[in-house]
Structures are given as structure tokens and as C-alpha cells.
Protein backbone atom coordinates (compact mmCIF):
# COMPACT_ATOMS: atom_id res chain seq x y z
CA MET A 1 110.41 229.89 200.02
CA PRO A 2 112.40 227.44 197.90
CA PHE A 3 111.04 226.86 194.43
CA SER A 4 112.06 225.24 191.21
CA LEU A 5 112.42 227.06 187.90
CA MET A 6 112.23 224.49 185.14
CA LYS A 7 111.71 226.47 181.96
CA ASN A 8 108.18 227.75 182.77
CA LEU A 9 107.37 225.51 185.75
CA GLN A 10 107.86 226.87 189.24
CA TYR A 11 106.84 224.73 192.17
CA ASN A 12 107.55 224.48 195.87
CA PHE A 13 109.57 221.27 196.00
CA ALA A 14 110.51 221.67 199.66
CA LEU A 15 106.83 221.73 200.73
CA LEU A 16 106.21 218.45 198.92
CA LYS A 17 109.15 216.73 200.59
CA LYS A 18 108.40 218.15 204.06
CA THR A 19 104.73 217.15 203.88
CA ARG A 20 105.62 213.60 202.80
CA GLU A 21 108.11 213.31 205.66
CA ASP A 22 105.59 214.75 208.15
CA LYS A 23 103.11 212.06 207.11
CA GLU A 24 105.88 209.49 207.72
CA MET A 25 105.72 208.07 204.20
CA SER A 26 108.83 206.66 202.60
CA LYS A 27 109.89 207.71 199.13
CA LEU A 28 109.18 204.20 197.89
CA GLU A 29 105.64 204.20 199.29
CA MET A 30 104.86 207.56 197.73
CA ALA A 31 106.38 206.59 194.37
CA HIS A 32 104.29 203.43 194.34
CA GLN A 33 101.12 205.35 195.20
CA LEU A 34 101.78 207.88 192.40
CA CYS A 35 102.85 205.25 189.83
CA LEU A 36 106.21 207.00 189.46
CA SER A 37 109.68 205.57 189.63
CA LEU A 38 111.75 206.32 192.71
CA ASN A 39 114.10 208.36 190.49
CA GLN A 40 111.21 210.52 189.27
CA LEU A 41 110.00 211.17 192.81
CA GLU A 42 113.52 212.13 193.90
CA SER A 43 113.78 214.36 190.83
CA ILE A 44 110.67 216.26 191.94
CA GLU A 45 111.87 216.60 195.54
CA GLU A 46 115.41 217.62 194.57
CA ASN A 47 114.39 220.24 192.01
CA SER A 48 115.83 218.36 189.06
CA PHE A 49 114.61 217.89 185.48
CA ARG A 50 116.17 214.42 185.18
CA TYR A 51 113.96 211.40 184.54
CA PHE A 52 111.17 213.43 182.89
CA PRO A 53 111.09 213.60 179.09
CA ALA A 54 108.97 216.76 178.97
CA GLU A 55 107.94 219.64 181.20
CA CYS A 56 104.23 218.87 180.84
CA ILE A 57 104.79 215.34 182.15
CA LYS A 58 106.64 216.65 185.19
CA LEU A 59 103.84 219.20 185.77
CA ALA A 60 101.28 216.38 185.77
CA ALA A 61 103.44 214.39 188.22
CA VAL A 62 103.83 217.40 190.55
CA LYS A 63 100.05 217.89 190.52
CA LYS A 64 99.47 214.21 191.32
CA TYR A 65 102.02 214.44 194.15
CA ALA A 66 100.39 217.53 195.65
CA LEU A 67 96.89 216.05 195.45
CA ALA A 68 98.05 212.77 197.02
CA LEU A 69 99.39 214.78 199.98
CA HIS A 70 96.13 216.80 200.17
CA LEU A 71 97.96 220.06 199.47
CA ASP A 72 96.47 223.12 197.82
CA LEU A 73 97.76 223.34 194.24
CA ASP A 74 98.06 227.13 194.59
CA LYS A 75 100.63 226.65 197.36
CA VAL A 76 102.64 224.12 195.38
CA ILE A 77 102.54 225.40 191.80
CA LEU A 78 103.69 228.99 191.93
CA ASN A 79 103.20 230.24 188.36
CA LYS A 80 99.63 229.57 187.26
CA GLU A 81 99.87 231.99 184.31
CA ASP A 82 102.66 229.95 182.69
CA GLU A 83 100.90 226.66 183.33
CA ALA A 84 98.98 226.79 180.06
CA ALA A 85 102.17 226.68 177.98
CA PRO A 86 102.67 222.89 178.03
CA SER A 87 99.08 222.13 177.03
CA ASN A 88 99.24 224.64 174.17
CA SER A 89 102.15 222.71 172.69
CA LEU A 90 99.79 219.78 172.21
CA MET A 91 97.66 221.91 169.90
CA ALA A 92 100.61 222.38 167.57
CA VAL A 93 100.27 218.80 166.28
CA PRO A 94 99.04 218.98 162.68
CA VAL A 95 95.48 217.94 162.00
CA LEU A 96 95.31 214.56 160.33
CA LEU A 97 93.52 214.06 157.03
CA SER A 98 90.94 211.33 156.61
CA LYS A 99 92.15 207.73 156.38
CA ALA A 100 90.42 207.19 153.05
CA LYS A 101 92.11 210.22 151.50
CA ASN A 102 95.58 209.05 152.56
CA GLY A 103 94.95 205.39 151.81
CA ILE A 104 95.56 204.20 155.36
CA LYS A 105 94.07 200.77 155.85
CA LYS A 106 92.47 199.74 159.11
CA GLY A 107 94.96 198.05 161.45
CA THR A 108 98.13 199.33 159.80
CA TYR A 109 101.13 200.45 161.82
CA ARG A 110 100.59 204.11 160.91
CA ASN A 111 96.93 203.95 161.92
CA LYS A 112 97.88 202.45 165.28
CA ALA A 113 100.61 205.07 165.82
CA ILE A 114 98.14 207.88 165.09
CA TYR A 115 95.62 206.37 167.50
CA LEU A 116 98.23 206.07 170.27
CA ARG A 117 99.44 209.65 169.74
CA LYS A 118 95.87 210.96 170.03
CA ALA A 119 95.25 208.86 173.14
CA TRP A 120 98.40 210.23 174.85
CA GLN A 121 97.51 213.80 173.90
CA ASP A 122 94.02 213.35 175.31
CA LEU A 123 95.42 211.88 178.53
CA LEU A 124 97.87 214.77 178.96
CA ARG A 125 95.11 217.33 178.33
CA ARG A 126 92.92 215.74 180.99
CA LEU A 127 95.79 215.57 183.52
CA LEU A 128 96.76 219.19 182.95
CA LYS A 129 93.19 220.45 183.39
CA ASN A 130 93.16 219.40 187.07
């Protein structure tokens, strides 16, 4: 069984590609359905780390791909015990102090950056729980 070893992530990339081809979907159609670029979809199918900035983002994309093809995640993602590693890295972000204590005014650039970082972390946590 072919599988990918990308740091901690192991997944059956050949099953994803074969299932997509069996359903007669083009790469472009599938990429559009998953909101991924064509390069990212090819990266998943070709067992490559290119076009993904982090392992946890590729894991979320692989999960979305498998669910879109109605595949069992246990058959696609081969190392469930290592799967928690990317989400644990989100917990390493230092806890922020109160705005009043640091003198951050409402609407400042730093306040907006903090808000966006928290929003992305929350989104990644929710995607990785599925």
C-alpha cells in the first residue's frame, strides 16, 4: 500500500487519486470543490510537501479530500497516534495579557493581528478535530 511520510503525517495518496479517477472527476473540479489550488491537489496526490506551508494545513486538506470522496478517514490517514502533534503545536502560542495592561487600543494593528491569529488557530483546531 503506497503511503506518504511527511514528518509525522502518513496517508494513502494513491487511494485518493484512484477514487477521484474512478468517480471521473478532473483535478480541476476536485480542487474547486475543496477550495484548493490545482498545485495543492497535485501535491497531495503525488506525495509531495510542496505548496503547503505547514503539516497541519496539509492534514486538514487531506481530510477534506477524503471526506469529499466519501472515504473512511481510517483508510486514508494511516497514523492516527501522530495526528495530535500538529494541533498540540497550536497550544505553544503564549497566552496574551489583557489589552488594558499592555496599553493596546481598540482597532490598532497589533489588536487586529492578535484577533486574526486567534481566529486562524480556532479554525485549524476545528478542522483537525474532524
